[in-house]
């Protein structure tokens, strides 16, 4: 079973990746893609909050 540190590391990596894709989708006016990515963004943000990760520096989208 992965440790909390491993879970946090993997989730932060996923969160950063989703944010990059969201920013690209927004620039390209890909509204449907952005909406789909936003679902993952919200889920990952919730997990990170539960794990006690401070998102103030990581969260570029701020939604």
Protein backbone atom coordinates (compact mmCIF):
# COMPACT_ATOMS: atom_id res chain seq x y z
CA UNK A 1 0.00 0.00 0.00
CA UNK A 2 1.39 3.43 -0.93
CA UNK A 3 2.33 5.85 1.83
CA UNK A 4 0.62 9.22 2.27
CA UNK A 5 3.70 10.91 0.83
CA UNK A 6 3.49 8.77 -2.32
CA UNK A 7 -0.25 9.44 -2.67
CA UNK A 8 0.29 13.16 -2.23
CA UNK A 9 3.16 13.23 -4.73
CA UNK A 10 1.14 11.37 -7.39
CA UNK A 11 -1.97 13.47 -6.82
CA UNK A 12 -0.02 16.73 -6.99
CA UNK A 13 1.52 15.59 -10.29
CA UNK A 14 -1.94 14.78 -11.67
CA UNK A 15 -3.30 18.11 -10.41
CA UNK A 16 -0.51 20.07 -12.10
CA UNK A 17 -1.02 18.15 -15.35
CA UNK A 18 -4.79 18.76 -15.39
CA UNK A 19 -4.20 22.47 -14.77
CA UNK A 20 -1.79 22.66 -17.72
CA UNK A 21 -4.37 21.03 -19.98
CA UNK A 22 -7.11 23.32 -18.65
CA UNK A 23 -5.04 26.41 -19.43
CA UNK A 24 -4.40 25.18 -22.98
CA UNK A 25 -8.08 24.34 -23.46
CA UNK A 26 -9.05 27.80 -22.25
CA UNK A 27 -6.59 29.49 -24.64
CA UNK A 28 -7.98 27.42 -27.52
CA UNK A 29 -11.59 28.13 -26.50
CA UNK A 30 -12.19 24.38 -26.19
CA UNK A 31 -15.16 24.74 -23.86
CA UNK A 32 -16.21 21.07 -23.79
CA UNK A 33 -12.66 19.91 -23.16
CA UNK A 34 -12.27 22.49 -20.40
CA UNK A 35 -15.50 21.34 -18.75
CA UNK A 36 -14.37 17.70 -18.79
CA UNK A 37 -10.98 18.60 -17.34
CA UNK A 38 -12.65 20.72 -14.69
CA UNK A 39 -14.40 17.62 -13.31
CA UNK A 40 -11.01 15.97 -12.77
CA UNK A 41 -9.60 19.21 -11.39
CA UNK A 42 -12.34 19.43 -8.76
CA UNK A 43 -11.88 15.79 -7.74
CA UNK A 44 -8.12 16.11 -7.41
CA UNK A 45 -8.47 19.38 -5.51
CA UNK A 46 -10.84 17.68 -3.05
CA UNK A 47 -8.42 14.80 -2.49
CA UNK A 48 -5.52 17.19 -1.91
CA UNK A 49 -7.59 19.21 0.56
CA UNK A 50 -8.45 16.05 2.50
CA UNK A 51 -4.77 15.12 2.54
CA UNK A 52 -3.98 18.54 4.03
CA UNK A 53 -2.07 19.93 1.04
CA UNK A 54 -1.93 23.73 0.91
CA UNK A 55 -3.05 24.58 -2.62
CA UNK A 56 -2.40 28.33 -2.45
CA UNK A 57 0.83 28.00 -4.46
CA UNK A 58 -0.20 25.04 -6.64
CA UNK A 59 -3.62 26.14 -7.80
CA UNK A 60 -3.25 28.25 -10.95
CA UNK A 61 -6.89 27.96 -11.98
CA UNK A 62 -8.47 29.04 -8.66
CA UNK A 63 -12.00 27.82 -9.40
